[in-house]
Amino acid sequence: MQPFDSAQGKGLHIALPKLGLIPINLHRPIKSGFMVKQVRIINKADIWYASINIQCDVKVPNPMPHGHPIGVDVGLTKFLATSDGVVVKSPKFLKVMQSKLKLLQRRLSRKKKRSKNYQKQRIKVARIHHTIDNTRKDFHFKQAHALCDAGDMVFMEDLDYRTLTKAMLGKQMLDAGFGQFRTITKYVCCQRGKFFGEVNARGTSQECPECGAEVKKDLSIRVHHCQKCGYLTDRDVASGQVIRNRGIELISTAGQVGIQNAYADGYAYVEISQSRSKSKTRKGTTRKSLK
């Protein structure tokens, strides 16, 4: 890469085999100590990108559990709800741009295939999809950084979103991009030294985060009200608190063995949360107790 006029990353050139010097817009400068190993040329919606892979001989340690834990529950009505009570509405990027996309696709269907007008219209449709994709990814990065600002440990469910996209609400699931959001959150946590963990997703919305009792409710009920302990809160916030409790139980030694209860305020490296919820193991009979 050869600089020509380094004013805000513009005016730079990259030397490619058989192509020579190509002017580029460098979004982030390459820091000293890194070596360029590979350049990948990508074409998206008739826009060319150069993905540069760099290498540096450094050892990056894995983030260890520490600080304030946060459980994150994702959904279609609310994009995410944290255990601290933060709720973010779903932006629904595809639904906002669907009317314009439908108009451009109708015009594309009327063009003669493999003609110049067909190619021009095809690029317009592709750029709408590209804009939706970039807007969604930017939103995911901002929410991931917001989670890292709010806590030091982030826990999410280990759901397989590929199977959920084949259900009745598959279009809404693809529009939200929960799988991409989880991957981006894991990447941002690693970059910022935050601990990221995935917990079992079974029954997170049917469990009380305060006492651990089972509270059955369908999707129409959006409020969690435990009849056993009287805990009352939003359904999604309660699910986030259950995810947080399971995450603390997962990283603690007692939680992995399954002998003792793992409490958030009893963990040596975890600050006391403002919520009064504690993680408790499920009570049940085992095979040894039946003998």
C-alpha atoms as a PDB file:
ATOM      1  CA  MET A   1       0.000   0.000   0.000  1.00  0.00           C
ATOM      2  CA  GLN A   2       1.493   3.287  -1.086  1.00  0.00           C
ATOM      3  CA  PRO A   3       0.260   6.625   0.325  1.00  0.00           C
ATOM      4  CA  PHE A   4      -0.245   9.460  -2.109  1.00  0.00           C
ATOM      5  CA  ASP A   5      -2.086  12.039   0.005  1.00  0.00           C
ATOM      6  CA  SER A   6      -3.010  10.753   3.474  1.00  0.00           C
ATOM      7  CA  ALA A   7      -5.818  13.201   4.207  1.00  0.00           C
ATOM      8  CA  GLN A   8      -8.338  11.204   6.271  1.00  0.00           C
ATOM      9  CA  GLY A   9      -7.468   7.981   4.481  1.00  0.00           C
ATOM     10  CA  LYS A  10      -8.225   9.358   0.992  1.00  0.00           C
ATOM     11  CA  GLY A  11      -5.759   9.486  -1.853  1.00  0.00           C
ATOM     12  CA  LEU A  12      -4.162   6.158  -0.941  1.00  0.00           C
ATOM     13  CA  HIS A  13      -3.339   3.463  -3.459  1.00  0.00           C
ATOM     14  CA  ILE A  14      -3.031  -0.289  -3.140  1.00  0.00           C
ATOM     15  CA  ALA A  15      -0.809  -2.353  -5.442  1.00  0.00           C
ATOM     16  CA  LEU A  16      -2.581  -5.434  -6.808  1.00  0.00           C
ATOM     17  CA  PRO A  17      -1.091  -8.102  -9.088  1.00  0.00           C
ATOM     18  CA  LYS A  18      -1.837  -7.567 -12.805  1.00  0.00           C
ATOM     19  CA  LEU A  19      -3.836  -4.415 -11.936  1.00  0.00           C
ATOM     20  CA  GLY A  20      -1.204  -2.043 -10.618  1.00  0.00           C
ATOM     21  CA  LEU A  21      -2.034   0.872  -8.317  1.00  0.00           C
ATOM     22  CA  ILE A  22      -5.720   1.148  -7.407  1.00  0.00           C
ATOM     23  CA  PRO A  23      -6.991   4.214  -5.485  1.00  0.00           C
ATOM     24  CA  ILE A  24      -8.833   3.275  -2.286  1.00  0.00           C
ATOM     25  CA  ASN A  25     -10.566   4.930   0.653  1.00  0.00           C
ATOM     26  CA  LEU A  26      -8.825   3.561   3.757  1.00  0.00           C
ATOM     27  CA  HIS A  27     -11.407   3.455   6.565  1.00  0.00           C
ATOM     28  CA  ARG A  28      -8.929   2.639   9.357  1.00  0.00           C
ATOM     29  CA  PRO A  29      -5.160   3.167   9.211  1.00  0.00           C
ATOM     30  CA  ILE A  30      -2.924   0.137   9.627  1.00  0.00           C
ATOM     31  CA  LYS A  31      -1.078   0.403  12.932  1.00  0.00           C
ATOM     32  CA  SER A  32       2.650  -0.004  13.224  1.00  0.00           C
ATOM     33  CA  GLY A  33       3.835  -3.550  13.871  1.00  0.00           C
ATOM     34  CA  PHE A  34       1.213  -5.177  11.624  1.00  0.00           C
ATOM     35  CA  MET A  35       2.013  -6.831   8.312  1.00  0.00           C
ATOM     36  CA  VAL A  36      -0.370  -7.113   5.363  1.00  0.00           C
ATOM     37  CA  LYS A  37      -0.799 -10.830   4.605  1.00  0.00           C
ATOM     38  CA  GLN A  38      -3.718 -11.025   2.182  1.00  0.00           C
ATOM     39  CA  VAL A  39      -6.074  -8.754   0.236  1.00  0.00           C
ATOM     40  CA  ARG A  40      -9.491  -9.992  -0.812  1.00  0.00           C
ATOM     41  CA  ILE A  41     -11.421  -8.098  -3.504  1.00  0.00           C
ATOM     42  CA  ILE A  42     -15.207  -8.240  -3.035  1.00  0.00           C
ATOM     43  CA  ASN A  43     -17.954  -6.926  -5.300  1.00  0.00           C
ATOM     44  CA  LYS A  44     -21.268  -6.117  -3.579  1.00  0.00           C
ATOM     45  CA  ALA A  45     -24.055  -4.397  -5.494  1.00  0.00           C
ATOM     46  CA  ASP A  46     -21.595  -3.163  -8.135  1.00  0.00           C
ATOM     47  CA  ILE A  47     -19.420  -1.655  -5.366  1.00  0.00           C
ATOM     48  CA  TRP A  48     -15.869  -2.915  -4.961  1.00  0.00           C
ATOM     49  CA  TYR A  49     -14.334  -3.539  -1.540  1.00  0.00           C
ATOM     50  CA  ALA A  50     -10.815  -4.562  -0.548  1.00  0.00           C
ATOM     51  CA  SER A  51     -10.709  -6.674   2.607  1.00  0.00           C
ATOM     52  CA  ILE A  52      -7.163  -6.477   3.997  1.00  0.00           C
ATOM     53  CA  ASN A  53      -5.939  -9.171   6.394  1.00  0.00           C
ATOM     54  CA  ILE A  54      -3.120  -8.070   8.680  1.00  0.00           C
ATOM     55  CA  GLN A  55      -0.956 -10.043  11.097  1.00  0.00           C
ATOM     56  CA  CYS A  56       0.991  -9.221  14.233  1.00  0.00           C
ATOM     57  CA  ASP A  57       2.930 -11.580  16.494  1.00  0.00           C
ATOM     58  CA  VAL A  58       1.109 -10.844  19.745  1.00  0.00           C
ATOM     59  CA  LYS A  59      -0.652 -13.119  22.194  1.00  0.00           C
ATOM     60  CA  VAL A  60      -4.163 -11.970  23.061  1.00  0.00           C
ATOM     61  CA  PRO A  61      -5.417 -13.508  26.329  1.00  0.00           C
ATOM     62  CA  ASN A  62      -8.988 -14.700  26.625  1.00  0.00           C
ATOM     63  CA  PRO A  63     -11.169 -12.413  28.785  1.00  0.00           C
ATOM     64  CA  MET A  64     -11.784 -13.864  32.243  1.00  0.00           C
ATOM     65  CA  PRO A  65     -15.089 -13.567  34.169  1.00  0.00           C
ATOM     66  CA  HIS A  66     -15.140 -10.342  36.158  1.00  0.00           C
ATOM     67  CA  GLY A  67     -17.336  -7.388  36.999  1.00  0.00           C
ATOM     68  CA  HIS A  68     -21.032  -6.809  36.470  1.00  0.00           C
ATOM     69  CA  PRO A  69     -22.986  -9.587  34.645  1.00  0.00           C
ATOM     70  CA  ILE A  70     -25.699  -8.903  32.053  1.00  0.00           C
ATOM     71  CA  GLY A  71     -28.181 -11.359  30.585  1.00  0.00           C
ATOM     72  CA  VAL A  72     -29.560 -10.540  27.139  1.00  0.00           C
ATOM     73  CA  ASP A  73     -32.854 -11.873  25.803  1.00  0.00           C
ATOM     74  CA  VAL A  74     -33.692 -11.228  22.132  1.00  0.00           C
ATOM     75  CA  GLY A  75     -37.112 -11.281  20.497  1.00  0.00           C
ATOM     76  CA  LEU A  76     -39.259  -9.939  17.704  1.00  0.00           C
ATOM     77  CA  THR A  77     -41.426  -7.529  19.722  1.00  0.00           C
ATOM     78  CA  LYS A  78     -38.384  -6.146  21.554  1.00  0.00           C
ATOM     79  CA  PHE A  79     -35.058  -6.590  19.833  1.00  0.00           C
ATOM     80  CA  LEU A  80     -33.359  -7.152  23.175  1.00  0.00           C
ATOM     81  CA  ALA A  81     -34.060  -6.859  26.877  1.00  0.00           C
ATOM     82  CA  THR A  82     -31.283  -6.976  29.460  1.00  0.00           C
ATOM     83  CA  SER A  83     -31.337  -8.152  33.042  1.00  0.00           C
ATOM     84  CA  ASP A  84     -30.827  -4.532  34.146  1.00  0.00           C
ATOM     85  CA  GLY A  85     -34.179  -3.521  32.647  1.00  0.00           C
ATOM     86  CA  VAL A  86     -32.908  -1.954  29.394  1.00  0.00           C
ATOM     87  CA  VAL A  87     -35.323  -2.579  26.511  1.00  0.00           C
ATOM     88  CA  VAL A  88     -34.548  -1.846  22.828  1.00  0.00           C
ATOM     89  CA  LYS A  89     -37.315  -1.892  20.225  1.00  0.00           C
ATOM     90  CA  SER A  90     -36.856  -3.817  16.999  1.00  0.00           C
ATOM     91  CA  PRO A  91     -36.049  -1.396  14.130  1.00  0.00           C
ATOM     92  CA  LYS A  92     -37.341  -3.770  11.368  1.00  0.00           C
ATOM     93  CA  PHE A  93     -35.082  -2.554   8.574  1.00  0.00           C
ATOM     94  CA  LEU A  94     -36.620  -4.693   5.823  1.00  0.00           C
ATOM     95  CA  LYS A  95     -40.163  -3.649   6.697  1.00  0.00           C
ATOM     96  CA  VAL A  96     -39.232   0.041   6.473  1.00  0.00           C
ATOM     97  CA  MET A  97     -37.649  -0.349   3.011  1.00  0.00           C
ATOM     98  CA  GLN A  98     -40.075  -2.983   1.747  1.00  0.00           C
ATOM     99  CA  SER A  99     -42.342  -0.591  -0.169  1.00  0.00           C
ATOM    100  CA  LYS A 100     -39.432   0.900  -2.117  1.00  0.00           C
ATOM    101  CA  LEU A 101     -37.909  -2.534  -2.665  1.00  0.00           C
ATOM    102  CA  LYS A 102     -41.222  -3.880  -3.957  1.00  0.00           C
ATOM    103  CA  LEU A 103     -41.474  -1.027  -6.466  1.00  0.00           C
ATOM    104  CA  LEU A 104     -37.954  -1.606  -7.797  1.00  0.00           C
ATOM    105  CA  GLN A 105     -38.495  -5.355  -8.063  1.00  0.00           C
ATOM    106  CA  ARG A 106     -41.716  -4.810 -10.018  1.00  0.00           C
ATOM    107  CA  ARG A 107     -39.842  -2.589 -12.456  1.00  0.00           C
ATOM    108  CA  LEU A 108     -37.114  -5.211 -12.744  1.00  0.00           C
ATOM    109  CA  SER A 109     -39.637  -7.909 -13.665  1.00  0.00           C
ATOM    110  CA  ARG A 110     -40.818  -5.816 -16.608  1.00  0.00           C
ATOM    111  CA  LYS A 111     -37.364  -5.378 -18.133  1.00  0.00           C
ATOM    112  CA  LYS A 112     -36.039  -7.604 -20.866  1.00  0.00           C
ATOM    113  CA  LYS A 113     -33.546 -10.021 -19.383  1.00  0.00           C
ATOM    114  CA  ARG A 114     -29.847  -9.550 -20.176  1.00  0.00           C
ATOM    115  CA  SER A 115     -30.523  -6.087 -21.558  1.00  0.00           C
ATOM    116  CA  LYS A 116     -28.742  -2.917 -20.400  1.00  0.00           C
ATOM    117  CA  ASN A 117     -31.867  -1.581 -18.696  1.00  0.00           C
ATOM    118  CA  TYR A 118     -32.267  -4.911 -16.914  1.00  0.00           C
ATOM    119  CA  GLN A 119     -28.718  -4.710 -15.569  1.00  0.00           C
ATOM    120  CA  LYS A 120     -29.207  -1.121 -14.398  1.00  0.00           C
ATOM    121  CA  GLN A 121     -32.412  -2.014 -12.589  1.00  0.00           C
ATOM    122  CA  ARG A 122     -30.838  -5.132 -11.096  1.00  0.00           C
ATOM    123  CA  ILE A 123     -28.088  -3.011  -9.581  1.00  0.00           C
ATOM    124  CA  LYS A 124     -30.682  -0.691  -8.025  1.00  0.00           C
ATOM    125  CA  VAL A 125     -32.415  -3.640  -6.361  1.00  0.00           C
ATOM    126  CA  ALA A 126     -29.078  -5.015  -5.162  1.00  0.00           C
ATOM    127  CA  ARG A 127     -28.092  -1.688  -3.653  1.00  0.00           C
ATOM    128  CA  ILE A 128     -31.335  -1.539  -1.665  1.00  0.00           C
ATOM    129  CA  HIS A 129     -30.533  -4.948  -0.198  1.00  0.00           C
ATOM    130  CA  HIS A 130     -26.963  -3.783   0.441  1.00  0.00           C
ATOM    131  CA  THR A 131     -28.225  -0.689   2.272  1.00  0.00           C
ATOM    132  CA  ILE A 132     -30.506  -2.793   4.467  1.00  0.00           C
ATOM    133  CA  ASP A 133     -27.637  -5.147   5.263  1.00  0.00           C
ATOM    134  CA  ASN A 134     -25.243  -2.320   6.169  1.00  0.00           C
ATOM    135  CA  THR A 135     -27.856  -0.555   8.307  1.00  0.00           C
ATOM    136  CA  ARG A 136     -28.623  -3.751  10.189  1.00  0.00           C
ATOM    137  CA  LYS A 137     -24.947  -4.504  10.784  1.00  0.00           C
ATOM    138  CA  ASP A 138     -24.293  -0.955  12.017  1.00  0.00           C
ATOM    139  CA  PHE A 139     -27.202  -1.292  14.460  1.00  0.00           C
ATOM    140  CA  HIS A 140     -25.820  -4.610  15.735  1.00  0.00           C
ATOM    141  CA  PHE A 141     -22.382  -3.125  16.358  1.00  0.00           C
ATOM    142  CA  LYS A 142     -23.842  -0.163  18.246  1.00  0.00           C
ATOM    143  CA  GLN A 143     -25.956  -2.416  20.460  1.00  0.00           C
ATOM    144  CA  ALA A 144     -22.987  -4.694  21.122  1.00  0.00           C
ATOM    145  CA  HIS A 145     -20.881  -1.744  22.256  1.00  0.00           C
ATOM    146  CA  ALA A 146     -23.757  -0.523  24.422  1.00  0.00           C
ATOM    147  CA  LEU A 147     -23.866  -3.909  26.162  1.00  0.00           C
ATOM    148  CA  CYS A 148     -20.118  -3.773  26.778  1.00  0.00           C
ATOM    149  CA  ASP A 149     -20.492  -0.274  28.218  1.00  0.00           C
ATOM    150  CA  ALA A 150     -23.187  -1.464  30.630  1.00  0.00           C
ATOM    151  CA  GLY A 151     -21.439  -4.573  31.978  1.00  0.00           C
ATOM    152  CA  ASP A 152     -18.321  -6.709  32.045  1.00  0.00           C
ATOM    153  CA  MET A 153     -19.921 -10.116  31.381  1.00  0.00           C
ATOM    154  CA  VAL A 154     -22.509 -10.684  28.651  1.00  0.00           C
ATOM    155  CA  PHE A 155     -24.588 -13.859  28.489  1.00  0.00           C
ATOM    156  CA  MET A 156     -26.882 -14.904  25.647  1.00  0.00           C
ATOM    157  CA  GLU A 157     -28.883 -17.991  24.688  1.00  0.00           C
ATOM    158  CA  ASP A 158     -27.340 -20.800  22.618  1.00  0.00           C
ATOM    159  CA  LEU A 159     -30.261 -20.973  20.192  1.00  0.00           C
ATOM    160  CA  ASP A 160     -29.915 -22.284  16.642  1.00  0.00           C
ATOM    161  CA  TYR A 161     -31.507 -19.425  14.722  1.00  0.00           C
ATOM    162  CA  ARG A 162     -31.225 -21.269  11.404  1.00  0.00           C
ATOM    163  CA  THR A 163     -34.015 -23.630  12.399  1.00  0.00           C
ATOM    164  CA  LEU A 164     -36.155 -20.763  13.713  1.00  0.00           C
ATOM    165  CA  THR A 165     -36.004 -19.008  10.334  1.00  0.00           C
ATOM    166  CA  LYS A 166     -37.885 -21.947   8.785  1.00  0.00           C
ATOM    167  CA  ALA A 167     -40.937 -21.350  10.987  1.00  0.00           C
ATOM    168  CA  MET A 168     -43.918 -19.091  10.362  1.00  0.00           C
ATOM    169  CA  LEU A 169     -42.066 -15.940  11.472  1.00  0.00           C
ATOM    170  CA  GLY A 170     -38.967 -16.734   9.432  1.00  0.00           C
ATOM    171  CA  LYS A 171     -39.026 -13.452   7.504  1.00  0.00           C
ATOM    172  CA  GLN A 172     -39.083 -11.424  10.738  1.00  0.00           C
ATOM    173  CA  MET A 173     -36.287 -13.564  12.172  1.00  0.00           C
ATOM    174  CA  LEU A 174     -34.102 -12.949   9.127  1.00  0.00           C
ATOM    175  CA  ASP A 175     -34.856  -9.233   9.282  1.00  0.00           C
ATOM    176  CA  ALA A 176     -33.679  -9.052  12.908  1.00  0.00           C
ATOM    177  CA  GLY A 177     -30.491 -11.045  12.244  1.00  0.00           C
ATOM    178  CA  PHE A 178     -30.118 -12.544  15.726  1.00  0.00           C
ATOM    179  CA  GLY A 179     -27.349 -14.932  14.665  1.00  0.00           C
ATOM    180  CA  GLN A 180     -25.265 -12.084  13.251  1.00  0.00           C
ATOM    181  CA  PHE A 181     -25.926 -10.012  16.369  1.00  0.00           C
ATOM    182  CA  ARG A 182     -24.668 -12.786  18.650  1.00  0.00           C
ATOM    183  CA  THR A 183     -21.523 -13.215  16.533  1.00  0.00           C
ATOM    184  CA  ILE A 184     -20.844  -9.466  16.520  1.00  0.00           C
ATOM    185  CA  THR A 185     -21.440  -9.236  20.281  1.00  0.00           C
ATOM    186  CA  LYS A 186     -18.958 -12.036  20.881  1.00  0.00           C
ATOM    187  CA  TYR A 187     -16.404 -10.274  18.669  1.00  0.00           C
ATOM    188  CA  VAL A 188     -16.880  -6.889  20.367  1.00  0.00           C
ATOM    189  CA  CYS A 189     -16.602  -8.461  23.832  1.00  0.00           C
ATOM    190  CA  CYS A 190     -13.324 -10.089  22.838  1.00  0.00           C
ATOM    191  CA  GLN A 191     -11.977  -6.817  21.457  1.00  0.00           C
ATOM    192  CA  ARG A 192     -12.915  -4.858  24.584  1.00  0.00           C
ATOM    193  CA  GLY A 193     -11.836  -7.439  27.146  1.00  0.00           C
ATOM    194  CA  LYS A 194     -15.358  -8.425  28.207  1.00  0.00           C
ATOM    195  CA  PHE A 195     -16.393 -11.973  29.001  1.00  0.00           C
ATOM    196  CA  PHE A 196     -18.997 -13.556  26.714  1.00  0.00           C
ATOM    197  CA  GLY A 197     -20.894 -16.760  27.425  1.00  0.00           C
ATOM    198  CA  GLU A 198     -23.786 -18.795  26.050  1.00  0.00           C
ATOM    199  CA  VAL A 199     -26.282 -20.550  28.294  1.00  0.00           C
ATOM    200  CA  ASN A 200     -28.980 -23.147  27.827  1.00  0.00           C
ATOM    201  CA  ALA A 201     -32.081 -21.539  26.304  1.00  0.00           C
ATOM    202  CA  ARG A 202     -34.616 -24.115  27.430  1.00  0.00           C
ATOM    203  CA  GLY A 203     -37.360 -22.624  29.611  1.00  0.00           C
ATOM    204  CA  THR A 204     -35.862 -19.168  30.144  1.00  0.00           C
ATOM    205  CA  SER A 205     -39.271 -17.512  29.705  1.00  0.00           C
ATOM    206  CA  GLN A 206     -41.051 -20.052  31.937  1.00  0.00           C
ATOM    207  CA  GLU A 207     -38.824 -19.690  35.010  1.00  0.00           C
ATOM    208  CA  CYS A 208     -38.938 -17.130  37.788  1.00  0.00           C
ATOM    209  CA  PRO A 209     -35.571 -15.381  38.205  1.00  0.00           C
ATOM    210  CA  GLU A 210     -36.308 -14.691  41.890  1.00  0.00           C
ATOM    211  CA  CYS A 211     -37.231 -18.101  43.300  1.00  0.00           C
ATOM    212  CA  GLY A 212     -36.657 -20.463  40.360  1.00  0.00           C
ATOM    213  CA  ALA A 213     -40.255 -21.653  40.255  1.00  0.00           C
ATOM    214  CA  GLU A 214     -41.920 -22.600  36.975  1.00  0.00           C
ATOM    215  CA  VAL A 215     -44.329 -19.918  35.730  1.00  0.00           C
ATOM    216  CA  LYS A 216     -46.112 -21.109  32.596  1.00  0.00           C
ATOM    217  CA  LYS A 217     -47.291 -18.408  30.174  1.00  0.00           C
ATOM    218  CA  ASP A 218     -47.942 -18.201  26.451  1.00  0.00           C
ATOM    219  CA  LEU A 219     -46.671 -15.546  24.049  1.00  0.00           C
ATOM    220  CA  SER A 220     -49.702 -13.300  24.591  1.00  0.00           C
ATOM    221  CA  ILE A 221     -48.731 -12.715  28.237  1.00  0.00           C
ATOM    222  CA  ARG A 222     -46.016 -10.039  28.288  1.00  0.00           C
ATOM    223  CA  VAL A 223     -45.731  -9.670  32.079  1.00  0.00           C
ATOM    224  CA  HIS A 224     -44.013 -12.085  34.427  1.00  0.00           C
ATOM    225  CA  HIS A 225     -45.867 -12.556  37.716  1.00  0.00           C
ATOM    226  CA  CYS A 226     -44.767 -15.351  40.007  1.00  0.00           C
ATOM    227  CA  GLN A 227     -47.542 -16.656  42.235  1.00  0.00           C
ATOM    228  CA  LYS A 228     -45.033 -18.238  44.596  1.00  0.00           C
ATOM    229  CA  CYS A 229     -42.842 -15.256  45.511  1.00  0.00           C
ATOM    230  CA  GLY A 230     -44.879 -12.400  43.990  1.00  0.00           C
ATOM    231  CA  TYR A 231     -42.076 -11.157  41.712  1.00  0.00           C
ATOM    232  CA  LEU A 232     -43.522  -8.864  39.024  1.00  0.00           C
ATOM    233  CA  THR A 233     -41.626  -7.537  36.016  1.00  0.00           C
ATOM    234  CA  ASP A 234     -41.588  -7.487  32.227  1.00  0.00           C
ATOM    235  CA  ARG A 235     -41.523 -10.906  30.585  1.00  0.00           C
ATOM    236  CA  ASP A 236     -38.421 -10.227  28.481  1.00  0.00           C
ATOM    237  CA  VAL A 237     -36.552  -8.598  31.364  1.00  0.00           C
ATOM    238  CA  ALA A 238     -37.302 -11.651  33.515  1.00  0.00           C
ATOM    239  CA  SER A 239     -35.908 -13.895  30.752  1.00  0.00           C
ATOM    240  CA  GLY A 240     -32.750 -11.770  30.676  1.00  0.00           C
ATOM    241  CA  GLN A 241     -32.386 -12.179  34.442  1.00  0.00           C
ATOM    242  CA  VAL A 242     -32.755 -15.956  34.118  1.00  0.00           C
ATOM    243  CA  ILE A 243     -30.067 -15.952  31.423  1.00  0.00           C
ATOM    244  CA  ARG A 244     -27.807 -13.909  33.705  1.00  0.00           C
ATOM    245  CA  ASN A 245     -28.359 -16.324  36.600  1.00  0.00           C
ATOM    246  CA  ARG A 246     -27.579 -19.319  34.407  1.00  0.00           C
ATOM    247  CA  GLY A 247     -24.450 -17.609  33.128  1.00  0.00           C
ATOM    248  CA  ILE A 248     -23.161 -16.986  36.648  1.00  0.00           C
ATOM    249  CA  GLU A 249     -23.953 -20.571  37.543  1.00  0.00           C
ATOM    250  CA  LEU A 250     -22.098 -21.745  34.433  1.00  0.00           C
ATOM    251  CA  ILE A 251     -18.831 -19.902  35.138  1.00  0.00           C
ATOM    252  CA  SER A 252     -18.748 -20.733  38.844  1.00  0.00           C
ATOM    253  CA  THR A 253     -17.133 -23.960  40.012  1.00  0.00           C
ATOM    254  CA  ALA A 254     -20.101 -24.880  42.181  1.00  0.00           C
ATOM    255  CA  GLY A 255     -22.460 -24.367  39.277  1.00  0.00           C
ATOM    256  CA  GLN A 256     -20.471 -26.696  37.017  1.00  0.00           C
ATOM    257  CA  VAL A 257     -20.381 -29.458  39.636  1.00  0.00           C
ATOM    258  CA  GLY A 258     -24.037 -28.941  40.542  1.00  0.00           C
ATOM    259  CA  ILE A 259     -23.640 -29.391  44.304  1.00  0.00           C
ATOM    260  CA  GLN A 260     -24.301 -25.921  45.655  1.00  0.00           C
ATOM    261  CA  ASN A 261     -26.253 -22.855  44.591  1.00  0.00           C
ATOM    262  CA  ALA A 262     -24.323 -20.144  42.760  1.00  0.00           C
ATOM    263  CA  TYR A 263     -25.457 -16.672  43.808  1.00  0.00           C
ATOM    264  CA  ALA A 264     -24.564 -13.486  41.991  1.00  0.00           C
ATOM    265  CA  ASP A 265     -23.605 -11.662  45.188  1.00  0.00           C
ATOM    266  CA  GLY A 266     -21.614 -14.639  46.447  1.00  0.00           C
ATOM    267  CA  TYR A 267     -19.257 -14.825  43.485  1.00  0.00           C
ATOM    268  CA  ALA A 268     -15.880 -13.341  44.312  1.00  0.00           C
ATOM    269  CA  TYR A 269     -15.395 -11.504  41.017  1.00  0.00           C
ATOM    270  CA  VAL A 270     -18.954 -10.277  40.468  1.00  0.00           C
ATOM    271  CA  GLU A 271     -20.286  -7.003  41.766  1.00  0.00           C
ATOM    272  CA  ILE A 272     -23.652  -6.922  43.525  1.00  0.00           C
ATOM    273  CA  SER A 273     -26.325  -6.228  40.928  1.00  0.00           C
ATOM    274  CA  GLN A 274     -29.137  -3.767  41.489  1.00  0.00           C
ATOM    275  CA  SER A 275     -31.651  -6.510  40.777  1.00  0.00           C
ATOM    276  CA  ARG A 276     -32.660  -8.682  43.686  1.00  0.00           C
ATOM    277  CA  SER A 277     -32.657 -11.823  41.542  1.00  0.00           C
ATOM    278  CA  LYS A 278     -30.367 -14.708  42.448  1.00  0.00           C
ATOM    279  CA  SER A 279     -29.481 -17.816  40.539  1.00  0.00           C
ATOM    280  CA  LYS A 280     -30.744 -21.006  42.130  1.00  0.00           C
ATOM    281  CA  THR A 281     -30.522 -24.615  41.057  1.00  0.00           C
ATOM    282  CA  ARG A 282     -33.676 -26.464  40.170  1.00  0.00           C
ATOM    283  CA  LYS A 283     -35.093 -28.663  42.873  1.00  0.00           C
ATOM    284  CA  GLY A 284     -35.826 -32.216  41.778  1.00  0.00           C
ATOM    285  CA  THR A 285     -35.280 -35.810  42.625  1.00  0.00           C
ATOM    286  CA  THR A 286     -32.353 -37.728  41.217  1.00  0.00           C
ATOM    287  CA  ARG A 287     -31.849 -41.433  40.666  1.00  0.00           C
ATOM    288  CA  LYS A 288     -29.719 -41.708  43.774  1.00  0.00           C
ATOM    289  CA  SER A 289     -32.414 -40.130  45.953  1.00  0.00           C
ATOM    290  CA  LEU A 290     -35.011 -42.595  44.701  1.00  0.00           C
ATOM    291  CA  LYS A 291     -32.994 -45.595  45.792  1.00  0.00           C
END
